[in-house]
PDB file of all heavy atoms in Angstrom:
ATOM      1  N   HIS A   1     107.435  31.374 106.308  1.00  0.00           N
ATOM      2  CA  HIS A   1     107.769  31.530 104.899  1.00  0.00           C
ATOM      3  C   HIS A   1     109.286  31.670 104.758  1.00  0.00           C
ATOM      4  O   HIS A   1     109.869  31.224 103.768  1.00  0.00           O
ATOM      5  CB  HIS A   1     107.105  32.768 104.292  1.00  0.00           C
ATOM      6  CG  HIS A   1     105.670  32.600 103.963  1.00  0.00           C
ATOM      7  ND1 HIS A   1     105.231  31.967 102.822  1.00  0.00           N
ATOM      8  CD2 HIS A   1     104.549  33.016 104.608  1.00  0.00           C
ATOM      9  CE1 HIS A   1     103.905  31.978 102.782  1.00  0.00           C
ATOM     10  NE2 HIS A   1     103.471  32.609 103.858  1.00  0.00           N
ATOM     11  N   GLU A   2     109.934  32.303 105.739  1.00  0.00           N
ATOM     12  CA  GLU A   2     111.370  32.536 105.685  1.00  0.00           C
ATOM     13  C   GLU A   2     112.180  31.258 105.918  1.00  0.00           C
ATOM     14  O   GLU A   2     113.345  31.196 105.556  1.00  0.00           O
ATOM     15  CB  GLU A   2     111.776  33.594 106.707  1.00  0.00           C
ATOM     16  CG  GLU A   2     111.211  34.964 106.413  1.00  0.00           C
ATOM     17  CD  GLU A   2     111.607  35.995 107.447  1.00  0.00           C
ATOM     18  OE1 GLU A   2     112.821  36.151 107.686  1.00  0.00           O
ATOM     19  OE2 GLU A   2     110.705  36.615 108.027  1.00  0.00           O
ATOM     20  N   THR A   3     111.567  30.242 106.497  1.00  0.00           N
ATOM     21  CA  THR A   3     112.262  28.987 106.767  1.00  0.00           C
ATOM     22  C   THR A   3     111.806  27.863 105.840  1.00  0.00           C
ATOM     23  O   THR A   3     112.293  26.740 105.945  1.00  0.00           O
ATOM     24  CB  THR A   3     112.043  28.549 108.224  1.00  0.00           C
ATOM     25  OG1 THR A   3     110.643  28.370 108.459  1.00  0.00           O
ATOM     26  CG2 THR A   3     112.621  29.561 109.183  1.00  0.00           C
ATOM     27  N   GLY A   4     110.847  28.158 104.968  1.00  0.00           N
ATOM     28  CA  GLY A   4     110.337  27.115 104.071  1.00  0.00           C
ATOM     29  C   GLY A   4     109.357  26.173 104.738  1.00  0.00           C
ATOM     30  O   GLY A   4     109.163  25.055 104.292  1.00  0.00           O
ATOM     31  N   GLU A   5     108.717  26.650 105.813  1.00  0.00           N
ATOM     32  CA  GLU A   5     107.762  25.814 106.544  1.00  0.00           C
ATOM     33  C   GLU A   5     106.304  26.256 106.389  1.00  0.00           C
ATOM     34  O   GLU A   5     105.413  25.651 106.990  1.00  0.00           O
ATOM     35  CB  GLU A   5     108.115  25.800 108.027  1.00  0.00           C
ATOM     36  CG  GLU A   5     109.474  25.193 108.309  1.00  0.00           C
ATOM     37  CD  GLU A   5     109.841  25.294 109.778  1.00  0.00           C
ATOM     38  OE1 GLU A   5     109.972  26.436 110.280  1.00  0.00           O
ATOM     39  OE2 GLU A   5     109.972  24.231 110.389  1.00  0.00           O
ATOM     40  N   GLU A   6     106.076  27.313 105.610  1.00  0.00           N
ATOM     41  CA  GLU A   6     104.722  27.807 105.416  1.00  0.00           C
ATOM     42  C   GLU A   6     104.526  28.256 103.973  1.00  0.00           C
ATOM     43  O   GLU A   6     105.473  28.683 103.316  1.00  0.00           O
ATOM     44  CB  GLU A   6     104.433  28.975 106.359  1.00  0.00           C
ATOM     45  CG  GLU A   6     104.498  28.585 107.815  1.00  0.00           C
ATOM     46  CD  GLU A   6     104.247  29.716 108.783  1.00  0.00           C
ATOM     47  OE1 GLU A   6     103.964  30.844 108.349  1.00  0.00           O
ATOM     48  OE2 GLU A   6     104.323  29.464 109.987  1.00  0.00           O
ATOM     49  N   VAL A   7     103.296  28.117 103.487  1.00  0.00           N
ATOM     50  CA  VAL A   7     102.949  28.534 102.132  1.00  0.00           C
ATOM     51  C   VAL A   7     101.567  29.154 102.120  1.00  0.00           C
ATOM     52  O   VAL A   7     100.775  28.963 103.044  1.00  0.00           O
ATOM     53  CB  VAL A   7     102.951  27.366 101.120  1.00  0.00           C
ATOM     54  CG1 VAL A   7     104.321  26.767 100.949  1.00  0.00           C
ATOM     55  CG2 VAL A   7     101.924  26.307 101.498  1.00  0.00           C
ATOM     56  N   ASP A   8     101.293  29.894 101.059  1.00  0.00           N
ATOM     57  CA  ASP A   8      99.937  30.347 100.766  1.00  0.00           C
ATOM     58  C   ASP A   8      99.514  29.652  99.504  1.00  0.00           C
ATOM     59  O   ASP A   8     100.303  29.540  98.550  1.00  0.00           O
ATOM     60  CB  ASP A   8      99.909  31.871 100.553  1.00  0.00           C
ATOM     61  CG  ASP A   8     100.305  32.659 101.788  1.00  0.00           C
ATOM     62  OD1 ASP A   8     100.168  32.114 102.908  1.00  0.00           O
ATOM     63  OD2 ASP A   8     100.751  33.800 101.638  1.00  0.00           O
ATOM     64  N   ILE A   9      98.280  29.161  99.481  1.00  0.00           N
ATOM     65  CA  ILE A   9      97.772  28.512  98.270  1.00  0.00           C
ATOM     66  C   ILE A   9      96.570  29.275  97.763  1.00  0.00           C
ATOM     67  O   ILE A   9      95.811  29.864  98.536  1.00  0.00           O
ATOM     68  CB  ILE A   9      97.441  27.016  98.500  1.00  0.00           C
ATOM     69  CG1 ILE A   9      96.360  26.827  99.552  1.00  0.00           C
ATOM     70  CG2 ILE A   9      98.681  26.247  98.873  1.00  0.00           C
ATOM     71  CD1 ILE A   9      95.898  25.389  99.693  1.00  0.00           C
ATOM     72  N   ALA A  10      96.420  29.290  96.444  1.00  0.00           N
ATOM     73  CA  ALA A  10      95.339  30.046  95.810  1.00  0.00           C
ATOM     74  C   ALA A  10      93.980  29.506  96.243  1.00  0.00           C
ATOM     75  O   ALA A  10      93.760  28.306  96.295  1.00  0.00           O
ATOM     76  CB  ALA A  10      95.475  29.964  94.296  1.00  0.00           C
ATOM     77  N   CYS A  11      93.091  30.448  96.531  1.00  0.00           N
ATOM     78  CA  CYS A  11      91.746  30.090  96.955  1.00  0.00           C
ATOM     79  C   CYS A  11      90.894  31.349  96.840  1.00  0.00           C
ATOM     80  O   CYS A  11      91.098  32.296  97.582  1.00  0.00           O
ATOM     81  CB  CYS A  11      91.795  29.601  98.389  1.00  0.00           C
ATOM     82  SG  CYS A  11      90.197  29.180  99.050  1.00  0.00           S
ATOM     83  N   VAL A  12      89.951  31.376  95.916  1.00  0.00           N
ATOM     84  CA  VAL A  12      89.208  32.601  95.691  1.00  0.00           C
ATOM     85  C   VAL A  12      87.716  32.519  96.022  1.00  0.00           C
ATOM     86  O   VAL A  12      87.054  33.553  96.113  1.00  0.00           O
ATOM     87  CB  VAL A  12      89.382  33.121  94.244  1.00  0.00           C
ATOM     88  CG1 VAL A  12      90.813  33.554  94.010  1.00  0.00           C
ATOM     89  CG2 VAL A  12      88.971  32.078  93.237  1.00  0.00           C
ATOM     90  N   THR A  13      87.193  31.337  96.227  1.00  0.00           N
ATOM     91  CA  THR A  13      85.771  31.229  96.569  1.00  0.00           C
ATOM     92  C   THR A  13      85.583  30.612  97.946  1.00  0.00           C
ATOM     93  O   THR A  13      86.455  29.896  98.442  1.00  0.00           O
ATOM     94  CB  THR A  13      84.999  30.375  95.535  1.00  0.00           C
ATOM     95  OG1 THR A  13      85.417  28.997  95.674  1.00  0.00           O
ATOM     96  CG2 THR A  13      85.228  30.854  94.114  1.00  0.00           C
ATOM     97  N   SER A  14      84.466  30.883  98.539  1.00  0.00           N
ATOM     98  CA  SER A  14      84.182  30.282  99.856  1.00  0.00           C
ATOM     99  C   SER A  14      84.082  28.762  99.740  1.00  0.00           C
ATOM    100  O   SER A  14      84.451  28.043 100.660  1.00  0.00           O
ATOM    101  CB  SER A  14      82.920  30.880 100.461  1.00  0.00           C
ATOM    102  OG  SER A  14      81.823  30.691  99.610  1.00  0.00           O
ATOM    103  N   GLN A  15      83.600  28.270  98.616  1.00  0.00           N
ATOM    104  CA  GLN A  15      83.521  26.809  98.417  1.00  0.00           C
ATOM    105  C   GLN A  15      84.924  26.198  98.418  1.00  0.00           C
ATOM    106  O   GLN A  15      85.143  25.159  99.039  1.00  0.00           O
ATOM    107  CB  GLN A  15      82.799  26.486  97.115  1.00  0.00           C
ATOM    108  CG  GLN A  15      82.661  24.987  96.898  1.00  0.00           C
ATOM    109  CD  GLN A  15      81.923  24.668  95.609  1.00  0.00           C
ATOM    110  OE1 GLN A  15      81.605  25.528  94.813  1.00  0.00           O
ATOM    111  NE2 GLN A  15      81.669  23.402  95.391  1.00  0.00           N
ATOM    112  N   GLU A  16      85.864  26.832  97.728  1.00  0.00           N
ATOM    113  CA  GLU A  16      87.256  26.340  97.721  1.00  0.00           C
ATOM    114  C   GLU A  16      87.834  26.357  99.133  1.00  0.00           C
ATOM    115  O   GLU A  16      88.504  25.405  99.541  1.00  0.00           O
ATOM    116  CB  GLU A  16      88.139  27.205  96.838  1.00  0.00           C
ATOM    117  CG  GLU A  16      88.007  26.955  95.360  1.00  0.00           C
ATOM    118  CD  GLU A  16      88.939  27.862  94.592  1.00  0.00           C
ATOM    119  OE1 GLU A  16      88.823  29.102  94.711  1.00  0.00           O
ATOM    120  OE2 GLU A  16      89.810  27.326  93.889  1.00  0.00           O
ATOM    121  N   ARG A  17      87.610  27.441  99.866  1.00  0.00           N
ATOM    122  CA  ARG A  17      88.116  27.533 101.229  1.00  0.00           C
ATOM    123  C   ARG A  17      87.561  26.394 102.079  1.00  0.00           C
ATOM    124  O   ARG A  17      88.293  25.762 102.838  1.00  0.00           O
ATOM    125  CB  ARG A  17      87.767  28.899 101.870  1.00  0.00           C
ATOM    126  CG  ARG A  17      88.691  30.005 101.412  1.00  0.00           C
ATOM    127  CD  ARG A  17      88.421  31.303 102.154  1.00  0.00           C
ATOM    128  NE  ARG A  17      87.221  31.992 101.700  1.00  0.00           N
ATOM    129  CZ  ARG A  17      87.138  32.706 100.577  1.00  0.00           C
ATOM    130  NH1 ARG A  17      88.172  32.836  99.800  1.00  0.00           N
ATOM    131  NH2 ARG A  17      86.018  33.293 100.236  1.00  0.00           N
ATOM    132  N   TRP A  18      86.282  26.143 101.965  1.00  0.00           N
ATOM    133  CA  TRP A  18      85.641  25.070 102.727  1.00  0.00           C
ATOM    134  C   TRP A  18      86.250  23.721 102.355  1.00  0.00           C
ATOM    135  O   TRP A  18      86.548  22.910 103.231  1.00  0.00           O
ATOM    136  CB  TRP A  18      84.138  25.061 102.510  1.00  0.00           C
ATOM    137  CG  TRP A  18      83.478  23.897 103.172  1.00  0.00           C
ATOM    138  CD1 TRP A  18      82.900  22.832 102.572  1.00  0.00           C
ATOM    139  CD2 TRP A  18      83.348  23.672 104.577  1.00  0.00           C
ATOM    140  NE1 TRP A  18      82.424  21.945 103.510  1.00  0.00           N
ATOM    141  CE2 TRP A  18      82.682  22.446 104.754  1.00  0.00           C
ATOM    142  CE3 TRP A  18      83.735  24.390 105.696  1.00  0.00           C
ATOM    143  CZ2 TRP A  18      82.401  21.918 106.000  1.00  0.00           C
ATOM    144  CZ3 TRP A  18      83.442  23.873 106.949  1.00  0.00           C
ATOM    145  CH2 TRP A  18      82.787  22.651 107.093  1.00  0.00           C
ATOM    146  N   GLN A  19      86.460  23.467 101.083  1.00  0.00           N
ATOM    147  CA  GLN A  19      87.041  22.194 100.642  1.00  0.00           C
ATOM    148  C   GLN A  19      88.443  22.007 101.222  1.00  0.00           C
ATOM    149  O   GLN A  19      88.790  20.918 101.706  1.00  0.00           O
ATOM    150  CB  GLN A  19      87.101  22.126  99.116  1.00  0.00           C
ATOM    151  CG  GLN A  19      85.759  21.974  98.457  1.00  0.00           C
ATOM    152  CD  GLN A  19      85.821  22.167  96.950  1.00  0.00           C
ATOM    153  OE1 GLN A  19      86.817  22.635  96.404  1.00  0.00           O
ATOM    154  NE2 GLN A  19      84.742  21.810  96.273  1.00  0.00           N
ATOM    155  N   ILE A  20      89.244  23.054 101.175  1.00  0.00           N
ATOM    156  CA  ILE A  20      90.621  22.962 101.666  1.00  0.00           C
ATOM    157  C   ILE A  20      90.635  22.750 103.173  1.00  0.00           C
ATOM    158  O   ILE A  20      91.296  21.816 103.670  1.00  0.00           O
ATOM    159  CB  ILE A  20      91.422  24.231 101.289  1.00  0.00           C
ATOM    160  CG1 ILE A  20      91.633  24.260  99.761  1.00  0.00           C
ATOM    161  CG2 ILE A  20      92.752  24.269 102.027  1.00  0.00           C
ATOM    162  CD1 ILE A  20      92.109  25.597  99.228  1.00  0.00           C
ATOM    163  N   ILE A  21      89.904  23.553 103.903  1.00  0.00           N
ATOM    164  CA  ILE A  21      89.890  23.418 105.371  1.00  0.00           C
ATOM    165  C   ILE A  21      89.296  22.070 105.787  1.00  0.00           C
ATOM    166  O   ILE A  21      89.810  21.421 106.701  1.00  0.00           O
ATOM    167  CB  ILE A  21      89.125  24.603 106.022  1.00  0.00           C
ATOM    168  CG1 ILE A  21      89.813  25.922 105.689  1.00  0.00           C
ATOM    169  CG2 ILE A  21      89.006  24.411 107.520  1.00  0.00           C
ATOM    170  CD1 ILE A  21      91.273  26.012 106.068  1.00  0.00           C
ATOM    171  N   SER A  22      88.262  21.638 105.127  1.00  0.00           N
ATOM    172  CA  SER A  22      87.682  20.322 105.428  1.00  0.00           C
ATOM    173  C   SER A  22      88.701  19.207 105.193  1.00  0.00           C
ATOM    174  O   SER A  22      88.813  18.280 105.996  1.00  0.00           O
ATOM    175  CB  SER A  22      86.439  20.057 104.567  1.00  0.00           C
ATOM    176  OG  SER A  22      85.415  20.970 104.901  1.00  0.00           O
ATOM    177  N   ALA A  23      89.444  19.304 104.100  1.00  0.00           N
ATOM    178  CA  ALA A  23      90.470  18.293 103.798  1.00  0.00           C
ATOM    179  C   ALA A  23      91.588  18.306 104.831  1.00  0.00           C
ATOM    180  O   ALA A  23      92.097  17.251 105.213  1.00  0.00           O
ATOM    181  CB  ALA A  23      91.020  18.507 102.396  1.00  0.00           C
ATOM    182  N   VAL A  24      91.953  19.482 105.302  1.00  0.00           N
ATOM    183  CA  VAL A  24      92.996  19.588 106.320  1.00  0.00           C
ATOM    184  C   VAL A  24      92.580  18.862 107.602  1.00  0.00           C
ATOM    185  O   VAL A  24      93.381  18.173 108.234  1.00  0.00           O
ATOM    186  CB  VAL A  24      93.318  21.071 106.629  1.00  0.00           C
ATOM    187  CG1 VAL A  24      94.147  21.211 107.905  1.00  0.00           C
ATOM    188  CG2 VAL A  24      94.052  21.709 105.464  1.00  0.00           C
ATOM    189  N   PHE A  25      91.311  18.979 107.979  1.00  0.00           N
ATOM    190  CA  PHE A  25      90.811  18.393 109.223  1.00  0.00           C
ATOM    191  C   PHE A  25      90.083  17.057 109.029  1.00  0.00           C
ATOM    192  O   PHE A  25      89.369  16.627 109.923  1.00  0.00           O
ATOM    193  CB  PHE A  25      89.895  19.387 109.934  1.00  0.00           C
ATOM    194  CG  PHE A  25      90.629  20.538 110.524  1.00  0.00           C
ATOM    195  CD1 PHE A  25      90.636  21.761 109.894  1.00  0.00           C
ATOM    196  CD2 PHE A  25      91.328  20.394 111.710  1.00  0.00           C
ATOM    197  CE1 PHE A  25      91.330  22.839 110.431  1.00  0.00           C
ATOM    198  CE2 PHE A  25      92.018  21.468 112.269  1.00  0.00           C
ATOM    199  CZ  PHE A  25      92.017  22.690 111.624  1.00  0.00           C
ATOM    200  N   GLU A  26      90.276  16.429 107.892  1.00  0.00           N
ATOM    201  CA  GLU A  26      89.568  15.177 107.579  1.00  0.00           C
ATOM    202  C   GLU A  26      89.854  14.052 108.573  1.00  0.00           C
ATOM    203  O   GLU A  26      89.003  13.223 108.848  1.00  0.00           O
ATOM    204  CB  GLU A  26      89.966  14.735 106.163  1.00  0.00           C
ATOM    205  CG  GLU A  26      89.085  13.707 105.550  1.00  0.00           C
ATOM    206  CD  GLU A  26      89.440  13.536 104.090  1.00  0.00           C
ATOM    207  OE1 GLU A  26      88.972  14.328 103.271  1.00  0.00           O
ATOM    208  OE2 GLU A  26      90.201  12.609 103.785  1.00  0.00           O
ATOM    209  N   SER A  27      91.050  13.993 109.099  1.00  0.00           N
ATOM    210  CA  SER A  27      91.395  12.937 110.043  1.00  0.00           C
ATOM    211  C   SER A  27      91.547  13.541 111.453  1.00  0.00           C
ATOM    212  O   SER A  27      91.486  14.755 111.623  1.00  0.00           O
ATOM    213  CB  SER A  27      92.701  12.249 109.636  1.00  0.00           C
ATOM    214  OG  SER A  27      93.768  13.179 109.685  1.00  0.00           O
ATOM    215  N   LYS A  28      91.747  12.684 112.458  1.00  0.00           N
ATOM    216  CA  LYS A  28      91.881  13.156 113.835  1.00  0.00           C
ATOM    217  C   LYS A  28      93.096  14.063 114.008  1.00  0.00           C
ATOM    218  O   LYS A  28      93.096  14.937 114.855  1.00  0.00           O
ATOM    219  CB  LYS A  28      91.975  11.971 114.790  1.00  0.00           C
ATOM    220  CG  LYS A  28      90.687  11.220 114.942  1.00  0.00           C
ATOM    221  CD  LYS A  28      90.822  10.103 115.934  1.00  0.00           C
ATOM    222  CE  LYS A  28      89.509   9.357 116.045  1.00  0.00           C
ATOM    223  NZ  LYS A  28      89.577   8.280 117.003  1.00  0.00           N
ATOM    224  N   GLN A  29      94.126  13.842 113.197  1.00  0.00           N
ATOM    225  CA  GLN A  29      95.332  14.684 113.251  1.00  0.00           C
ATOM    226  C   GLN A  29      95.334  15.585 112.024  1.00  0.00           C
ATOM    227  O   GLN A  29      95.526  15.114 110.916  1.00  0.00           O
ATOM    228  CB  GLN A  29      96.571  13.810 113.260  1.00  0.00           C
ATOM    229  CG  GLN A  29      97.840  14.601 113.175  1.00  0.00           C
ATOM    230  CD  GLN A  29      98.750  14.343 114.322  1.00  0.00           C
ATOM    231  OE1 GLN A  29      98.497  13.468 115.132  1.00  0.00           O
ATOM    232  NE2 GLN A  29      99.802  15.101 114.406  1.00  0.00           N
ATOM    233  N   PRO A  30      95.112  16.894 112.204  1.00  0.00           N
ATOM    234  CA  PRO A  30      95.138  17.805 111.064  1.00  0.00           C
ATOM    235  C   PRO A  30      96.471  17.756 110.341  1.00  0.00           C
ATOM    236  O   PRO A  30      97.511  17.461 110.935  1.00  0.00           O
ATOM    237  CB  PRO A  30      94.909  19.180 111.677  1.00  0.00           C
ATOM    238  CG  PRO A  30      94.335  18.927 113.013  1.00  0.00           C
ATOM    239  CD  PRO A  30      94.846  17.602 113.453  1.00  0.00           C
ATOM    240  N   LEU A  31      96.473  18.043 109.049  1.00  0.00           N
ATOM    241  CA  LEU A  31      97.690  17.993 108.250  1.00  0.00           C
ATOM    242  C   LEU A  31      98.666  19.106 108.621  1.00  0.00           C
ATOM    243  O   LEU A  31      99.866  18.920 108.522  1.00  0.00           O
ATOM    244  CB  LEU A  31      97.349  18.107 106.763  1.00  0.00           C
ATOM    245  CG  LEU A  31      96.559  16.956 106.156  1.00  0.00           C
ATOM    246  CD1 LEU A  31      96.259  17.263 104.686  1.00  0.00           C
ATOM    247  CD2 LEU A  31      97.351  15.663 106.269  1.00  0.00           C
ATOM    248  N   PHE A  32      98.168  20.262 109.024  1.00  0.00           N
ATOM    249  CA  PHE A  32      99.024  21.422 109.254  1.00  0.00           C
ATOM    250  C   PHE A  32      98.839  21.964 110.659  1.00  0.00           C
ATOM    251  O   PHE A  32      97.769  21.857 111.234  1.00  0.00           O
ATOM    252  CB  PHE A  32      98.715  22.522 108.235  1.00  0.00           C
ATOM    253  CG  PHE A  32      98.950  22.082 106.824  1.00  0.00           C
ATOM    254  CD1 PHE A  32      97.918  21.520 106.082  1.00  0.00           C
ATOM    255  CD2 PHE A  32     100.191  22.217 106.236  1.00  0.00           C
ATOM    256  CE1 PHE A  32      98.141  21.096 104.774  1.00  0.00           C
ATOM    257  CE2 PHE A  32     100.431  21.788 104.950  1.00  0.00           C
ATOM    258  CZ  PHE A  32      99.405  21.226 104.215  1.00  0.00           C
ATOM    259  N   ARG A  33      99.875  22.575 111.211  1.00  0.00           N
ATOM    260  CA  ARG A  33      99.817  23.174 112.544  1.00  0.00           C
ATOM    261  C   ARG A  33      99.346  24.630 112.481  1.00  0.00           C
ATOM    262  O   ARG A  33      98.866  25.166 113.464  1.00  0.00           O
ATOM    263  CB  ARG A  33     101.181  23.125 113.207  1.00  0.00           C
ATOM    264  CG  ARG A  33     101.598  21.732 113.542  1.00  0.00           C
ATOM    265  CD  ARG A  33     102.922  21.757 114.257  1.00  0.00           C
ATOM    266  NE  ARG A  33     103.234  20.413 114.714  1.00  0.00           N
ATOM    267  CZ  ARG A  33     104.447  19.946 114.821  1.00  0.00           C
ATOM    268  NH1 ARG A  33     105.486  20.699 114.517  1.00  0.00           N
ATOM    269  NH2 ARG A  33     104.642  18.713 115.232  1.00  0.00           N
ATOM    270  N   ARG A  34      99.584  25.276 111.348  1.00  0.00           N
ATOM    271  CA  ARG A  34      99.217  26.686 111.193  1.00  0.00           C
ATOM    272  C   ARG A  34      98.285  26.833 109.999  1.00  0.00           C
ATOM    273  O   ARG A  34      98.584  26.332 108.921  1.00  0.00           O
ATOM    274  CB  ARG A  34     100.463  27.540 110.980  1.00  0.00           C
ATOM    275  CG  ARG A  34     101.374  27.518 112.158  1.00  0.00           C
ATOM    276  CD  ARG A  34     102.595  28.385 111.926  1.00  0.00           C
ATOM    277  NE  ARG A  34     102.951  28.928 113.219  1.00  0.00           N
ATOM    278  CZ  ARG A  34     102.862  30.193 113.565  1.00  0.00           C
ATOM    279  NH1 ARG A  34     102.474  31.088 112.703  1.00  0.00           N
ATOM    280  NH2 ARG A  34     103.178  30.594 114.751  1.00  0.00           N
ATOM    281  N   ILE A  35      97.181  27.517 110.223  1.00  0.00           N
ATOM    282  CA  ILE A  35      96.199  27.712 109.158  1.00  0.00           C
ATOM    283  C   ILE A  35      95.685  29.154 109.260  1.00  0.00           C
ATOM    284  O   ILE A  35      95.336  29.621 110.337  1.00  0.00           O
ATOM    285  CB  ILE A  35      95.012  26.733 109.307  1.00  0.00           C
ATOM    286  CG1 ILE A  35      95.509  25.299 109.232  1.00  0.00           C
ATOM    287  CG2 ILE A  35      93.958  27.004 108.240  1.00  0.00           C
ATOM    288  CD1 ILE A  35      94.487  24.276 109.671  1.00  0.00           C
ATOM    289  N   GLY A  36      95.652  29.815 108.122  1.00  0.00           N
ATOM    290  CA  GLY A  36      95.104  31.165 108.072  1.00  0.00           C
ATOM    291  C   GLY A  36      94.246  31.279 106.823  1.00  0.00           C
ATOM    292  O   GLY A  36      94.501  30.617 105.833  1.00  0.00           O
ATOM    293  N   ILE A  37      93.229  32.105 106.889  1.00  0.00           N
ATOM    294  CA  ILE A  37      92.318  32.234 105.753  1.00  0.00           C
ATOM    295  C   ILE A  37      92.292  33.687 105.302  1.00  0.00           C
ATOM    296  O   ILE A  37      91.985  34.577 106.092  1.00  0.00           O
ATOM    297  CB  ILE A  37      90.906  31.759 106.135  1.00  0.00           C
ATOM    298  CG1 ILE A  37      90.945  30.307 106.579  1.00  0.00           C
ATOM    299  CG2 ILE A  37      89.956  31.958 104.959  1.00  0.00           C
ATOM    300  CD1 ILE A  37      89.650  29.793 107.137  1.00  0.00           C
ATOM    301  N   GLY A  38      92.636  33.911 104.036  1.00  0.00           N
ATOM    302  CA  GLY A  38      92.572  35.234 103.441  1.00  0.00           C
ATOM    303  C   GLY A  38      91.529  35.274 102.340  1.00  0.00           C
ATOM    304  O   GLY A  38      90.874  34.257 102.055  1.00  0.00           O
ATOM    305  N   LYS A  39      91.345  36.433 101.714  1.00  0.00           N
ATOM    306  CA  LYS A  39      90.354  36.558 100.641  1.00  0.00           C
ATOM    307  C   LYS A  39      90.720  35.745  99.403  1.00  0.00           C
ATOM    308  O   LYS A  39      89.849  35.221  98.735  1.00  0.00           O
ATOM    309  CB  LYS A  39      90.193  38.020 100.229  1.00  0.00           C
ATOM    310  CG  LYS A  39      89.360  38.828 101.163  1.00  0.00           C
ATOM    311  CD  LYS A  39      89.115  40.199 100.589  1.00  0.00           C
ATOM    312  CE  LYS A  39      88.154  40.970 101.467  1.00  0.00           C
ATOM    313  NZ  LYS A  39      87.793  42.242 100.881  1.00  0.00           N
ATOM    314  N   THR A  40      92.020  35.657  99.099  1.00  0.00           N
ATOM    315  CA  THR A  40      92.444  34.983  97.864  1.00  0.00           C
ATOM    316  C   THR A  40      93.394  33.831  98.114  1.00  0.00           C
ATOM    317  O   THR A  40      93.964  33.267  97.174  1.00  0.00           O
ATOM    318  CB  THR A  40      93.155  35.988  96.930  1.00  0.00           C
ATOM    319  OG1 THR A  40      94.293  36.522  97.613  1.00  0.00           O
ATOM    320  CG2 THR A  40      92.200  37.093  96.510  1.00  0.00           C
ATOM    321  N   PHE A  41      93.584  33.465  99.386  1.00  0.00           N
ATOM    322  CA  PHE A  41      94.522  32.380  99.689  1.00  0.00           C
ATOM    323  C   PHE A  41      94.175  31.726 101.021  1.00  0.00           C
ATOM    324  O   PHE A  41      93.460  32.296 101.835  1.00  0.00           O
ATOM    325  CB  PHE A  41      95.962  32.908  99.737  1.00  0.00           C
ATOM    326  CG  PHE A  41      96.212  33.855 100.881  1.00  0.00           C
ATOM    327  CD1 PHE A  41      96.692  33.394 102.097  1.00  0.00           C
ATOM    328  CD2 PHE A  41      95.962  35.219 100.741  1.00  0.00           C
ATOM    329  CE1 PHE A  41      96.903  34.278 103.160  1.00  0.00           C
ATOM    330  CE2 PHE A  41      96.181  36.100 101.790  1.00  0.00           C
ATOM    331  CZ  PHE A  41      96.649  35.616 103.007  1.00  0.00           C
TER     332      PHE A  41
END
């Protein structure tokens, strides 16, 4: 976050989390190198 290379995006339901994570891993090369899951992001 201090270098502008990471963000948190809003996500409040398990369905939203699943959609986001599924989209990240949709191809053989994931879009992001770092992924974390919180209650609201």
